[in-house]
Amino acid sequence: MTRLSVNINKIATIRNARGGNVPDVKLAAVRCQGFGAEGITVHPRPDERHIRYSDVYDIRDIVTTEFNIEGNPEEQFIRLVLDVVPDQVTLVPDAHDAITSNSGWDTKSNLQFLVDVISRFHEKGIRTSIFTGTDPEMIEYAARTGTDRIELYTEPYASMYHSGREAAVAPFVRAAEAAREAGLGINAGHDLDLSNLAWLHKNIPWLMEVSIGHALISDALYFGLENTIQMYLRELRRG
């Protein structure tokens, strides 16, 4: 079954806005797992505007489900991942000034770089995932890197969903089929929410993991964290 990994970056964003340790990111990770989350995702950026590198160290020993660290594989990030040794590292081509992730990798142009980085993580036994769009050529080259999985960047799906969900999901189904044929596991994430998650999962039932942060944490303001996690799990089971 598809796992729900909760991205807790937005918890850190609220904490950092005020200083101190409220809300407590470590406690939030514990509670998310206790409420049914099947993984915890963090995405530290160089400016530490939400999750800090120190948070990653604090969290690693309390994650009892699955720990996924996302980020641009610059040397500081690589050292962090090799030191923490999470279950999975998701490689995202973020620019330093990006508000949020906004594209997948050009795996063809960055092939050798990704091969080298992934081999370093594999030496530590860390499963790797590459953030990609739906271009079949990019997925073909992703497979050549030696990665274990890809994570489909689903913002275009979410943007088109309400104007035509069949058309919105079609390129993602084709991409997921191509990835499966190439022997890759498939994750998905970005702008997935309670309205569009079930339809994506219904059409790609072999998704291994979805990583959801902004929408889930926002929904928790209205519905409560425990209830919200259960709502997202129900959407995955329904889809």
Protein backbone atom coordinates (compact mmCIF):
# COMPACT_ATOMS: atom_id res chain seq x y z
CA MET A 1 0.00 0.00 0.00
CA THR A 2 1.08 3.57 -0.65
CA ARG A 3 2.79 5.12 2.36
CA LEU A 4 1.97 8.62 3.62
CA SER A 5 5.08 10.57 4.57
CA VAL A 6 4.35 13.87 6.34
CA ASN A 7 6.66 16.74 5.50
CA ILE A 8 7.06 18.77 8.69
CA ASN A 9 8.83 21.79 7.20
CA LYS A 10 5.84 24.05 7.86
CA ILE A 11 5.98 23.22 11.57
CA ALA A 12 9.50 24.63 11.58
CA THR A 13 8.38 27.67 9.59
CA ILE A 14 5.91 28.59 12.34
CA ARG A 15 8.54 28.04 15.04
CA ASN A 16 11.12 30.15 13.26
CA ALA A 17 8.68 33.03 12.83
CA ARG A 18 8.65 33.59 16.58
CA GLY A 19 11.91 32.08 17.81
CA GLY A 20 12.17 29.63 20.66
CA ASN A 21 10.92 26.08 20.29
CA VAL A 22 7.16 26.41 19.87
CA PRO A 23 5.89 24.45 18.07
CA ASP A 24 8.38 21.70 18.85
CA VAL A 25 9.48 20.07 15.59
CA LYS A 26 10.71 16.92 17.31
CA LEU A 27 7.43 16.48 19.19
CA ALA A 28 5.52 17.10 15.96
CA ALA A 29 7.39 14.24 14.29
CA VAL A 30 6.59 11.94 17.21
CA ARG A 31 2.92 12.91 17.15
CA CYS A 32 2.60 12.53 13.37
CA GLN A 33 3.85 8.97 13.64
CA GLY A 34 1.61 8.27 16.59
CA PHE A 35 -1.36 9.60 14.60
CA GLY A 36 -0.70 7.19 11.73
CA ALA A 37 1.89 8.80 9.44
CA GLU A 38 4.02 6.14 7.79
CA GLY A 39 7.03 8.36 7.29
CA ILE A 40 8.55 11.74 8.14
CA THR A 41 10.01 14.00 5.48
CA VAL A 42 12.23 17.05 5.98
CA HIS A 43 13.72 19.36 3.38
CA PRO A 44 16.58 21.43 4.82
CA ARG A 45 17.74 24.34 2.68
CA PRO A 46 21.04 26.23 2.96
CA ASP A 47 19.38 29.30 4.53
CA GLU A 48 17.58 27.09 7.11
CA ARG A 49 14.42 29.15 6.71
CA HIS A 50 12.34 26.24 7.99
CA ILE A 51 13.95 22.91 8.91
CA ARG A 52 17.43 23.46 10.31
CA TYR A 53 20.32 21.08 9.94
CA SER A 54 20.26 20.65 13.72
CA ASP A 55 16.60 19.56 13.47
CA VAL A 56 17.61 16.73 11.18
CA TYR A 57 20.01 15.40 13.80
CA ASP A 58 17.40 15.82 16.54
CA ILE A 59 14.75 13.96 14.58
CA ARG A 60 16.76 11.01 13.28
CA ASP A 61 16.60 8.93 16.46
CA ILE A 62 12.87 9.37 17.03
CA VAL A 63 11.67 8.40 13.56
CA THR A 64 10.41 4.86 13.93
CA THR A 65 8.60 4.69 10.58
CA GLU A 66 10.66 5.95 7.63
CA PHE A 67 12.91 8.99 7.46
CA ASN A 68 13.14 10.82 4.13
CA ILE A 69 15.49 13.79 3.65
CA GLU A 70 14.92 15.95 0.57
CA GLY A 71 17.25 18.53 -0.86
CA ASN A 72 19.66 19.79 -3.48
CA PRO A 73 22.75 17.54 -3.31
CA GLU A 74 25.32 20.23 -2.64
CA GLU A 75 28.27 19.13 -0.55
CA GLN A 76 26.87 20.36 2.78
CA PHE A 77 23.64 18.46 2.13
CA ILE A 78 25.50 15.33 1.06
CA ARG A 79 27.58 15.37 4.25
CA LEU A 80 24.42 15.74 6.34
CA VAL A 81 22.71 12.77 4.67
CA LEU A 82 25.80 10.56 4.91
CA ASP A 83 26.08 11.40 8.60
CA VAL A 84 22.40 10.91 9.47
CA VAL A 85 21.85 7.87 7.18
CA PRO A 86 18.07 8.18 6.64
CA ASP A 87 16.01 5.46 5.01
CA GLN A 88 15.69 7.55 1.85
CA VAL A 89 17.21 10.66 0.30
CA THR A 90 15.22 12.53 -2.36
CA LEU A 91 17.33 14.66 -4.68
CA VAL A 92 15.66 17.93 -5.66
CA PRO A 93 17.22 20.57 -7.99
CA ASP A 94 16.28 23.57 -5.84
CA ALA A 95 17.77 26.96 -6.51
CA HIS A 96 18.80 28.81 -3.34
CA ASP A 97 16.15 31.47 -3.87
CA ALA A 98 13.31 29.08 -4.72
CA ILE A 99 10.27 29.55 -2.49
CA THR A 100 9.48 25.88 -2.97
CA SER A 101 10.50 23.09 -5.33
CA ASN A 102 9.41 24.01 -8.84
CA SER A 103 10.81 21.49 -11.31
CA GLY A 104 12.24 18.05 -11.75
CA TRP A 105 15.80 17.21 -12.75
CA ASP A 106 17.20 17.41 -16.23
CA THR A 107 18.56 13.92 -15.73
CA LYS A 108 20.19 13.83 -19.16
CA SER A 109 22.34 16.93 -18.63
CA ASN A 110 23.09 15.98 -15.03
CA LEU A 111 23.56 12.26 -15.62
CA GLN A 112 27.15 11.87 -14.45
CA PHE A 113 26.66 14.18 -11.49
CA LEU A 114 23.66 12.16 -10.33
CA VAL A 115 25.48 8.86 -10.90
CA ASP A 116 28.32 10.05 -8.68
CA VAL A 117 26.06 11.38 -5.92
CA ILE A 118 23.81 8.34 -5.87
CA SER A 119 26.77 5.99 -5.65
CA ARG A 120 27.92 7.81 -2.51
CA PHE A 121 24.53 7.33 -0.87
CA HIS A 122 24.33 3.70 -1.95
CA GLU A 123 27.67 3.03 -0.27
CA LYS A 124 25.90 3.89 2.99
CA GLY A 125 22.87 1.77 2.15
CA ILE A 126 20.59 4.79 1.65
CA ARG A 127 17.72 4.39 -0.81
CA THR A 128 17.67 7.18 -3.38
CA SER A 129 14.86 8.96 -5.20
CA ILE A 130 15.13 11.62 -7.92
CA PHE A 131 12.57 14.42 -8.32
CA THR A 132 11.36 14.31 -11.94
CA GLY A 133 8.73 15.64 -14.26
CA THR A 134 6.78 13.47 -16.69
CA ASP A 135 9.09 13.65 -19.73
CA PRO A 136 9.81 10.02 -20.73
CA GLU A 137 13.37 10.90 -21.72
CA MET A 138 14.07 12.33 -18.27
CA ILE A 139 12.72 9.15 -16.70
CA GLU A 140 14.87 7.03 -19.02
CA TYR A 141 17.96 8.92 -17.92
CA ALA A 142 16.87 8.77 -14.29
CA ALA A 143 17.01 4.99 -14.57
CA ARG A 144 20.56 5.25 -15.93
CA THR A 145 21.70 7.06 -12.78
CA GLY A 146 21.20 3.93 -10.69
CA THR A 147 18.52 5.53 -8.52
CA ASP A 148 16.07 3.27 -6.73
CA ARG A 149 13.03 5.50 -7.24
CA ILE A 150 11.76 8.69 -8.77
CA GLU A 151 9.41 11.18 -7.15
CA LEU A 152 6.96 12.63 -9.63
CA TYR A 153 6.64 16.42 -9.27
CA THR A 154 2.87 16.73 -9.11
CA GLU A 155 2.32 20.50 -9.11
CA PRO A 156 1.18 20.47 -12.78
CA TYR A 157 -1.32 17.73 -11.94
CA ALA A 158 -2.67 19.70 -8.99
CA SER A 159 -2.93 22.90 -11.04
CA MET A 160 -4.96 21.22 -13.79
CA TYR A 161 -7.03 18.91 -11.59
CA HIS A 162 -10.12 21.08 -11.14
CA SER A 163 -10.36 21.99 -14.82
CA GLY A 164 -10.13 18.38 -16.00
CA ARG A 165 -8.84 15.58 -13.85
CA GLU A 166 -8.56 13.02 -16.67
CA ALA A 167 -6.27 15.27 -18.69
CA ALA A 168 -4.40 16.28 -15.56
CA VAL A 169 -3.49 12.76 -14.54
CA ALA A 170 -2.79 11.29 -18.00
CA PRO A 171 0.88 12.35 -18.36
CA PHE A 172 1.58 11.16 -14.83
CA VAL A 173 0.14 7.74 -15.57
CA ARG A 174 2.33 7.48 -18.67
CA ALA A 175 5.37 8.59 -16.70
CA ALA A 176 4.63 6.12 -13.90
CA GLU A 177 4.25 3.30 -16.41
CA ALA A 178 7.56 4.22 -18.03
CA ALA A 179 9.26 4.31 -14.65
CA ARG A 180 7.82 0.95 -13.67
CA GLU A 181 8.98 -0.57 -16.95
CA ALA A 182 12.45 0.80 -16.23
CA GLY A 183 12.46 -0.95 -12.87
CA LEU A 184 12.07 2.18 -10.77
CA GLY A 185 9.94 2.62 -7.68
CA ILE A 186 7.62 5.60 -7.84
CA ASN A 187 6.90 8.26 -5.22
CA ALA A 188 4.91 11.45 -5.73
CA GLY A 189 4.69 14.85 -4.11
CA HIS A 190 3.96 18.56 -4.36
CA ASP A 191 0.59 20.26 -4.00
CA LEU A 192 -1.23 17.01 -3.29
CA ASP A 193 -4.22 17.56 -1.00
CA LEU A 194 -7.53 16.11 0.13
CA SER A 195 -9.26 17.03 -3.13
CA ASN A 196 -6.80 15.51 -5.62
CA LEU A 197 -4.95 12.73 -3.80
CA ALA A 198 -7.45 9.90 -4.27
CA TRP A 199 -7.73 10.42 -8.03
CA LEU A 200 -3.96 10.31 -8.49
CA HIS A 201 -3.74 7.15 -6.42
CA LYS A 202 -6.66 5.53 -8.21
CA ASN A 203 -4.87 6.00 -11.53
CA ILE A 204 -1.41 5.08 -10.24
CA PRO A 205 -2.16 2.48 -7.54
CA TRP A 206 1.43 1.26 -7.51
CA LEU A 207 2.74 4.50 -5.99
CA MET A 208 5.05 3.55 -3.17
CA GLU A 209 4.93 6.82 -1.22
CA VAL A 210 3.41 10.27 -1.26
CA SER A 211 5.11 13.10 0.58
CA ILE A 212 2.71 15.84 1.70
CA GLY A 213 3.48 18.88 3.80
CA HIS A 214 1.98 22.28 3.06
CA ALA A 215 -1.60 21.18 2.46
CA LEU A 216 -1.63 18.64 5.29
CA ILE A 217 -0.24 21.03 7.90
CA SER A 218 -2.63 23.75 6.69
CA ASP A 219 -5.59 21.36 6.97
CA ALA A 220 -4.46 20.49 10.48
CA LEU A 221 -5.19 24.09 11.52
CA TYR A 222 -8.86 23.43 10.76
CA PHE A 223 -9.27 19.74 11.53
CA GLY A 224 -6.52 18.95 14.03
CA LEU A 225 -3.33 17.03 13.26
CA GLU A 226 -4.52 13.55 14.20
CA ASN A 227 -7.78 13.86 12.32
CA THR A 228 -6.05 15.34 9.29
CA ILE A 229 -3.52 12.53 9.00
CA GLN A 230 -6.34 10.02 9.20
CA MET A 231 -8.26 11.94 6.50
CA TYR A 232 -5.27 11.73 4.15
CA LEU A 233 -4.82 8.04 4.88
CA ARG A 234 -8.49 7.46 4.06
CA GLU A 235 -8.04 9.24 0.72
CA LEU A 236 -5.16 6.90 -0.11
CA ARG A 237 -7.20 3.84 0.82
CA ARG A 238 -10.21 5.16 -1.12
CA GLY A 239 -8.32 6.05 -4.29
